[in-house]
Amino acid sequence: MRILAGQIALETKLFLRRKDDLFWTLAFPMFFMILYGLIYGDMVWDDYGMRAIDYILPGIIVMALMVTG
């Protein structure tokens, strides 16, 4: 268990050291969530009452995961 904790700590330090990764992982997806939230707001896209952001948010999350590799 200590080996796993050490590996997690090391990977976290390496990740936080690279500022471009922080931007693409955190700020870029949040920018798109805010942008699409402002553009589409509470617009309903289907007959079931789902909002546009309910469709867009999973894609933004997957995009953030793909960018980090």
PDB file of N, CA and C in Angstrom:
ATOM      1  N   MET A   1       0.824  -1.189   0.000  1.00  0.00           N
ATOM      2  CA  MET A   1       0.000   0.000   0.000  1.00  0.00           C
ATOM      3  C   MET A   1       0.873   1.260   0.000  1.00  0.00           C
ATOM      4  N   ARG A   2       2.026   1.192   0.672  1.00  0.00           N
ATOM      5  CA  ARG A   2       2.925   2.347   0.689  1.00  0.00           C
ATOM      6  C   ARG A   2       3.501   2.618  -0.693  1.00  0.00           C
ATOM      7  N   ILE A   3       3.718   1.569  -1.460  1.00  0.00           N
ATOM      8  CA  ILE A   3       4.245   1.752  -2.814  1.00  0.00           C
ATOM      9  C   ILE A   3       3.229   2.499  -3.673  1.00  0.00           C
ATOM     10  N   LEU A   4       1.960   2.130  -3.549  1.00  0.00           N
ATOM     11  CA  LEU A   4       0.902   2.802  -4.297  1.00  0.00           C
ATOM     12  C   LEU A   4       0.787   4.269  -3.891  1.00  0.00           C
ATOM     13  N   ALA A   5       0.840   4.541  -2.601  1.00  0.00           N
ATOM     14  CA  ALA A   5       0.764   5.923  -2.119  1.00  0.00           C
ATOM     15  C   ALA A   5       1.959   6.734  -2.624  1.00  0.00           C
ATOM     16  N   GLY A   6       3.127   6.126  -2.632  1.00  0.00           N
ATOM     17  CA  GLY A   6       4.311   6.805  -3.148  1.00  0.00           C
ATOM     18  C   GLY A   6       4.201   7.095  -4.641  1.00  0.00           C
ATOM     19  N   GLN A   7       3.666   6.142  -5.387  1.00  0.00           N
ATOM     20  CA  GLN A   7       3.485   6.331  -6.827  1.00  0.00           C
ATOM     21  C   GLN A   7       2.474   7.440  -7.113  1.00  0.00           C
ATOM     22  N   ILE A   8       1.384   7.464  -6.359  1.00  0.00           N
ATOM     23  CA  ILE A   8       0.374   8.517  -6.528  1.00  0.00           C
ATOM     24  C   ILE A   8       0.969   9.881  -6.199  1.00  0.00           C
ATOM     25  N   ALA A   9       1.740   9.960  -5.130  1.00  0.00           N
ATOM     26  CA  ALA A   9       2.373  11.225  -4.756  1.00  0.00           C
ATOM     27  C   ALA A   9       3.347  11.691  -5.838  1.00  0.00           C
ATOM     28  N   LEU A  10       4.128  10.774  -6.370  1.00  0.00           N
ATOM     29  CA  LEU A  10       5.087  11.116  -7.419  1.00  0.00           C
ATOM     30  C   LEU A  10       4.377  11.604  -8.678  1.00  0.00           C
ATOM     31  N   GLU A  11       3.353  10.884  -9.107  1.00  0.00           N
ATOM     32  CA  GLU A  11       2.616  11.280 -10.311  1.00  0.00           C
ATOM     33  C   GLU A  11       1.927  12.626 -10.123  1.00  0.00           C
ATOM     34  N   THR A  12       1.417  12.882  -8.935  1.00  0.00           N
ATOM     35  CA  THR A  12       0.773  14.168  -8.659  1.00  0.00           C
ATOM     36  C   THR A  12       1.784  15.299  -8.732  1.00  0.00           C
ATOM     37  N   LYS A  13       2.958  15.105  -8.166  1.00  0.00           N
ATOM     38  CA  LYS A  13       4.009  16.131  -8.230  1.00  0.00           C
ATOM     39  C   LYS A  13       4.430  16.399  -9.668  1.00  0.00           C
ATOM     40  N   LEU A  14       4.597  15.339 -10.448  1.00  0.00           N
ATOM     41  CA  LEU A  14       4.980  15.512 -11.846  1.00  0.00           C
ATOM     42  C   LEU A  14       3.894  16.235 -12.634  1.00  0.00           C
ATOM     43  N   PHE A  15       2.643  15.912 -12.350  1.00  0.00           N
ATOM     44  CA  PHE A  15       1.522  16.548 -13.050  1.00  0.00           C
ATOM     45  C   PHE A  15       1.425  18.026 -12.695  1.00  0.00           C
ATOM     46  N   LEU A  16       1.553  18.347 -11.425  1.00  0.00           N
ATOM     47  CA  LEU A  16       1.434  19.737 -10.988  1.00  0.00           C
ATOM     48  C   LEU A  16       2.619  20.586 -11.440  1.00  0.00           C
ATOM     49  N   ARG A  17       3.716  19.952 -11.759  1.00  0.00           N
ATOM     50  CA  ARG A  17       4.906  20.669 -12.207  1.00  0.00           C
ATOM     51  C   ARG A  17       4.731  21.201 -13.631  1.00  0.00           C
ATOM     52  N   ARG A  18       3.907  20.531 -14.425  1.00  0.00           N
ATOM     53  CA  ARG A  18       3.716  20.914 -15.825  1.00  0.00           C
ATOM     54  C   ARG A  18       2.475  21.786 -15.950  1.00  0.00           C
ATOM     55  N   LYS A  19       2.688  23.077 -16.113  1.00  0.00           N
ATOM     56  CA  LYS A  19       1.591  24.051 -16.111  1.00  0.00           C
ATOM     57  C   LYS A  19       0.680  23.901 -17.322  1.00  0.00           C
ATOM     58  N   ASP A  20       1.218  23.479 -18.456  1.00  0.00           N
ATOM     59  CA  ASP A  20       0.366  23.321 -19.626  1.00  0.00           C
ATOM     60  C   ASP A  20      -0.636  22.189 -19.431  1.00  0.00           C
ATOM     61  N   ASP A  21      -0.236  21.126 -18.746  1.00  0.00           N
ATOM     62  CA  ASP A  21      -1.178  20.044 -18.444  1.00  0.00           C
ATOM     63  C   ASP A  21      -2.286  20.515 -17.517  1.00  0.00           C
ATOM     64  N   LEU A  22      -1.930  21.351 -16.559  1.00  0.00           N
ATOM     65  CA  LEU A  22      -2.955  21.897 -15.664  1.00  0.00           C
ATOM     66  C   LEU A  22      -3.977  22.708 -16.444  1.00  0.00           C
ATOM     67  N   PHE A  23      -3.504  23.517 -17.382  1.00  0.00           N
ATOM     68  CA  PHE A  23      -4.420  24.323 -18.178  1.00  0.00           C
ATOM     69  C   PHE A  23      -5.360  23.446 -18.987  1.00  0.00           C
ATOM     70  N   TRP A  24      -4.814  22.489 -19.727  1.00  0.00           N
ATOM     71  CA  TRP A  24      -5.643  21.665 -20.607  1.00  0.00           C
ATOM     72  C   TRP A  24      -6.557  20.731 -19.829  1.00  0.00           C
ATOM     73  N   THR A  25      -6.191  20.382 -18.621  1.00  0.00           N
ATOM     74  CA  THR A  25      -7.009  19.475 -17.830  1.00  0.00           C
ATOM     75  C   THR A  25      -8.097  20.198 -17.060  1.00  0.00           C
ATOM     76  N   LEU A  26      -7.802  21.372 -16.538  1.00  0.00           N
ATOM     77  CA  LEU A  26      -8.759  22.060 -15.667  1.00  0.00           C
ATOM     78  C   LEU A  26      -9.417  23.267 -16.320  1.00  0.00           C
ATOM     79  N   ALA A  27      -8.626  24.209 -16.795  1.00  0.00           N
ATOM     80  CA  ALA A  27      -9.180  25.479 -17.267  1.00  0.00           C
ATOM     81  C   ALA A  27      -9.903  25.345 -18.605  1.00  0.00           C
ATOM     82  N   PHE A  28      -9.360  24.597 -19.526  1.00  0.00           N
ATOM     83  CA  PHE A  28      -9.960  24.481 -20.850  1.00  0.00           C
ATOM     84  C   PHE A  28     -11.356  23.850 -20.808  1.00  0.00           C
ATOM     85  N   PRO A  29     -11.555  22.718 -20.132  1.00  0.00           N
ATOM     86  CA  PRO A  29     -12.914  22.165 -20.045  1.00  0.00           C
ATOM     87  C   PRO A  29     -13.884  23.080 -19.294  1.00  0.00           C
ATOM     88  N   MET A  30     -13.406  23.756 -18.256  1.00  0.00           N
ATOM     89  CA  MET A  30     -14.295  24.672 -17.531  1.00  0.00           C
ATOM     90  C   MET A  30     -14.695  25.843 -18.417  1.00  0.00           C
ATOM     91  N   PHE A  31     -13.772  26.300 -19.254  1.00  0.00           N
ATOM     92  CA  PHE A  31     -14.100  27.363 -20.200  1.00  0.00           C
ATOM     93  C   PHE A  31     -15.240  26.931 -21.114  1.00  0.00           C
ATOM     94  N   PHE A  32     -15.168  25.704 -21.642  1.00  0.00           N
ATOM     95  CA  PHE A  32     -16.229  25.222 -22.523  1.00  0.00           C
ATOM     96  C   PHE A  32     -17.547  25.029 -21.779  1.00  0.00           C
ATOM     97  N   MET A  33     -17.499  24.547 -20.550  1.00  0.00           N
ATOM     98  CA  MET A  33     -18.739  24.402 -19.777  1.00  0.00           C
ATOM     99  C   MET A  33     -19.399  25.755 -19.560  1.00  0.00           C
ATOM    100  N   ILE A  34     -18.610  26.750 -19.211  1.00  0.00           N
ATOM    101  CA  ILE A  34     -19.167  28.090 -18.995  1.00  0.00           C
ATOM    102  C   ILE A  34     -19.685  28.666 -20.308  1.00  0.00           C
ATOM    103  N   LEU A  35     -18.918  28.519 -21.369  1.00  0.00           N
ATOM    104  CA  LEU A  35     -19.321  29.047 -22.669  1.00  0.00           C
ATOM    105  C   LEU A  35     -20.631  28.419 -23.143  1.00  0.00           C
ATOM    106  N   TYR A  36     -20.704  27.090 -23.138  1.00  0.00           N
ATOM    107  CA  TYR A  36     -21.924  26.426 -23.597  1.00  0.00           C
ATOM    108  C   TYR A  36     -23.086  26.668 -22.648  1.00  0.00           C
ATOM    109  N   GLY A  37     -22.805  26.803 -21.369  1.00  0.00           N
ATOM    110  CA  GLY A  37     -23.864  27.130 -20.421  1.00  0.00           C
ATOM    111  C   GLY A  37     -24.451  28.500 -20.689  1.00  0.00           C
ATOM    112  N   LEU A  38     -23.598  29.452 -21.052  1.00  0.00           N
ATOM    113  CA  LEU A  38     -24.082  30.794 -21.375  1.00  0.00           C
ATOM    114  C   LEU A  38     -24.826  30.821 -22.709  1.00  0.00           C
ATOM    115  N   ILE A  39     -24.345  30.060 -23.671  1.00  0.00           N
ATOM    116  CA  ILE A  39     -24.979  30.063 -24.991  1.00  0.00           C
ATOM    117  C   ILE A  39     -26.326  29.342 -24.955  1.00  0.00           C
ATOM    118  N   TYR A  40     -26.345  28.130 -24.413  1.00  0.00           N
ATOM    119  CA  TYR A  40     -27.556  27.314 -24.465  1.00  0.00           C
ATOM    120  C   TYR A  40     -28.432  27.452 -23.234  1.00  0.00           C
ATOM    121  N   GLY A  41     -27.852  27.806 -22.106  1.00  0.00           N
ATOM    122  CA  GLY A  41     -28.626  28.016 -20.889  1.00  0.00           C
ATOM    123  C   GLY A  41     -29.507  26.830 -20.532  1.00  0.00           C
ATOM    124  N   ASP A  42     -30.784  27.085 -20.376  1.00  0.00           N
ATOM    125  CA  ASP A  42     -31.737  26.029 -20.020  1.00  0.00           C
ATOM    126  C   ASP A  42     -32.518  25.532 -21.227  1.00  0.00           C
ATOM    127  N   MET A  43     -31.953  25.668 -22.403  1.00  0.00           N
ATOM    128  CA  MET A  43     -32.624  25.214 -23.616  1.00  0.00           C
ATOM    129  C   MET A  43     -32.863  23.707 -23.543  1.00  0.00           C
ATOM    130  N   VAL A  44     -34.083  23.282 -23.874  1.00  0.00           N
ATOM    131  CA  VAL A  44     -34.449  21.865 -23.839  1.00  0.00           C
ATOM    132  C   VAL A  44     -34.283  21.302 -25.244  1.00  0.00           C
ATOM    133  N   TRP A  45     -33.582  20.146 -25.355  1.00  0.00           N
ATOM    134  CA  TRP A  45     -33.275  19.575 -26.660  1.00  0.00           C
ATOM    135  C   TRP A  45     -34.183  18.442 -27.080  1.00  0.00           C
ATOM    136  N   ASP A  46     -34.935  17.843 -26.186  1.00  0.00           N
ATOM    137  CA  ASP A  46     -35.766  16.714 -26.596  1.00  0.00           C
ATOM    138  C   ASP A  46     -37.098  16.730 -25.862  1.00  0.00           C
ATOM    139  N   ASP A  47     -37.926  15.749 -26.162  1.00  0.00           N
ATOM    140  CA  ASP A  47     -39.262  15.671 -25.571  1.00  0.00           C
ATOM    141  C   ASP A  47     -39.237  15.223 -24.116  1.00  0.00           C
ATOM    142  N   TYR A  48     -38.118  14.734 -23.637  1.00  0.00           N
ATOM    143  CA  TYR A  48     -38.025  14.237 -22.269  1.00  0.00           C
ATOM    144  C   TYR A  48     -37.638  15.328 -21.275  1.00  0.00           C
ATOM    145  N   GLY A  49     -37.380  16.514 -21.753  1.00  0.00           N
ATOM    146  CA  GLY A  49     -37.064  17.629 -20.874  1.00  0.00           C
ATOM    147  C   GLY A  49     -35.607  17.748 -20.483  1.00  0.00           C
ATOM    148  N   MET A  50     -34.719  17.055 -21.203  1.00  0.00           N
ATOM    149  CA  MET A  50     -33.289  17.166 -20.886  1.00  0.00           C
ATOM    150  C   MET A  50     -32.751  18.476 -21.436  1.00  0.00           C
ATOM    151  N   ARG A  51     -31.937  19.131 -20.618  1.00  0.00           N
ATOM    152  CA  ARG A  51     -31.345  20.395 -21.037  1.00  0.00           C
ATOM    153  C   ARG A  51     -30.140  20.144 -21.936  1.00  0.00           C
ATOM    154  N   ALA A  52     -29.766  21.156 -22.668  1.00  0.00           N
ATOM    155  CA  ALA A  52     -28.635  21.043 -23.594  1.00  0.00           C
ATOM    156  C   ALA A  52     -27.347  20.722 -22.852  1.00  0.00           C
ATOM    157  N   ILE A  53     -27.157  21.309 -21.694  1.00  0.00           N
ATOM    158  CA  ILE A  53     -25.922  21.079 -20.944  1.00  0.00           C
ATOM    159  C   ILE A  53     -25.819  19.629 -20.474  1.00  0.00           C
ATOM    160  N   ASP A  54     -26.962  18.943 -20.315  1.00  0.00           N
ATOM    161  CA  ASP A  54     -26.943  17.528 -19.938  1.00  0.00           C
ATOM    162  C   ASP A  54     -26.359  16.664 -21.050  1.00  0.00           C
ATOM    163  N   TYR A  55     -26.486  17.114 -22.291  1.00  0.00           N
ATOM    164  CA  TYR A  55     -25.868  16.404 -23.410  1.00  0.00           C
ATOM    165  C   TYR A  55     -24.397  16.782 -23.574  1.00  0.00           C
ATOM    166  N   ILE A  56     -24.093  18.036 -23.344  1.00  0.00           N
ATOM    167  CA  ILE A  56     -22.755  18.550 -23.627  1.00  0.00           C
ATOM    168  C   ILE A  56     -21.743  18.170 -22.547  1.00  0.00           C
ATOM    169  N   LEU A  57     -22.151  18.166 -21.290  1.00  0.00           N
ATOM    170  CA  LEU A  57     -21.227  17.935 -20.177  1.00  0.00           C
ATOM    171  C   LEU A  57     -20.476  16.606 -20.255  1.00  0.00           C
ATOM    172  N   PRO A  58     -21.114  15.470 -20.565  1.00  0.00           N
ATOM    173  CA  PRO A  58     -20.331  14.227 -20.667  1.00  0.00           C
ATOM    174  C   PRO A  58     -19.249  14.289 -21.744  1.00  0.00           C
ATOM    175  N   GLY A  59     -19.533  14.945 -22.851  1.00  0.00           N
ATOM    176  CA  GLY A  59     -18.528  15.096 -23.900  1.00  0.00           C
ATOM    177  C   GLY A  59     -17.344  15.928 -23.450  1.00  0.00           C
ATOM    178  N   ILE A  60     -17.621  16.962 -22.672  1.00  0.00           N
ATOM    179  CA  ILE A  60     -16.543  17.806 -22.161  1.00  0.00           C
ATOM    180  C   ILE A  60     -15.674  17.021 -21.185  1.00  0.00           C
ATOM    181  N   ILE A  61     -16.298  16.206 -20.348  1.00  0.00           N
ATOM    182  CA  ILE A  61     -15.541  15.386 -19.395  1.00  0.00           C
ATOM    183  C   ILE A  61     -14.653  14.386 -20.133  1.00  0.00           C
ATOM    184  N   VAL A  62     -15.204  13.734 -21.162  1.00  0.00           N
ATOM    185  CA  VAL A  62     -14.423  12.769 -21.940  1.00  0.00           C
ATOM    186  C   VAL A  62     -13.282  13.470 -22.667  1.00  0.00           C
ATOM    187  N   MET A  63     -13.551  14.670 -23.202  1.00  0.00           N
ATOM    188  CA  MET A  63     -12.502  15.427 -23.879  1.00  0.00           C
ATOM    189  C   MET A  63     -11.350  15.731 -22.918  1.00  0.00           C
ATOM    190  N   ALA A  64     -11.679  16.117 -21.692  1.00  0.00           N
ATOM    191  CA  ALA A  64     -10.639  16.413 -20.707  1.00  0.00           C
ATOM    192  C   ALA A  64      -9.823  15.164 -20.382  1.00  0.00           C
ATOM    193  N   LEU A  65     -10.476  14.023 -20.285  1.00  0.00           N
ATOM    194  CA  LEU A  65      -9.756  12.777 -20.013  1.00  0.00           C
ATOM    195  C   LEU A  65      -8.863  12.375 -21.179  1.00  0.00           C
ATOM    196  N   MET A  66      -9.338  12.597 -22.401  1.00  0.00           N
ATOM    197  CA  MET A  66      -8.537  12.244 -23.572  1.00  0.00           C
ATOM    198  C   MET A  66      -7.315  13.148 -23.706  1.00  0.00           C
ATOM    199  N   VAL A  67      -7.455  14.409 -23.347  1.00  0.00           N
ATOM    200  CA  VAL A  67      -6.337  15.344 -23.456  1.00  0.00           C
ATOM    201  C   VAL A  67      -5.216  14.961 -22.492  1.00  0.00           C
ATOM    202  N   THR A  68      -5.587  14.484 -21.305  1.00  0.00           N
ATOM    203  CA  THR A  68      -4.562  14.127 -20.330  1.00  0.00           C
ATOM    204  C   THR A  68      -3.863  12.825 -20.683  1.00  0.00           C
ATOM    205  N   GLY A  69      -4.474  12.031 -21.532  1.00  0.00           N
ATOM    206  CA  GLY A  69      -3.828  10.816 -21.994  1.00  0.00           C
ATOM    207  C   GLY A  69      -4.111   9.698 -21.075  1.00  0.00           C
TER     208      GLY A  69
END
